[in-house]
Amino acid sequence: MFCSRCGNEIASGDRFCPKCGLPLVQAAPVPNEIPRDVSDRKHLAGLFGILLGGLGIHKFYLGFTEEGILEIVMTLISCGILGIIGFIEGLIYLTKSDEAFYQDYIVNRKKWF
């Protein structure tokens, strides 16, 4: 890699050009590239939603602790009726493409539906 200002060769780990001091911008990740485990995470979260939706396990699995607790409370207050929300979310997870799931729930941290 070379500095855009002075043309000096720069090592891959450098944050500044050693010759002119230009701050180097790190390359952004490729937007279309998703981690390999997204499909597994999507399927497991979907199954948790369908089978244990009222307990909010799918929310906890995706890292949404507050929403998982809220889902448990809503299910308890409604005597289980609002447990259907987790079931619906599980179906939504499983019907989304891996890319859409990754973008919505991992990158954008979409919390509900």
Foldseek 3Di string as FASTA:
>chain_A
DADPPPRHDDDPPDQADPPPGHGDDDDDDDLQDDDPCLVVLLLVLLVCLQPVQQQLVSCVSLPNVVVNVVSVVVCVVVVNPSSVQSNVVSVVSVPDDSSVNCVQCPVVNPRGD
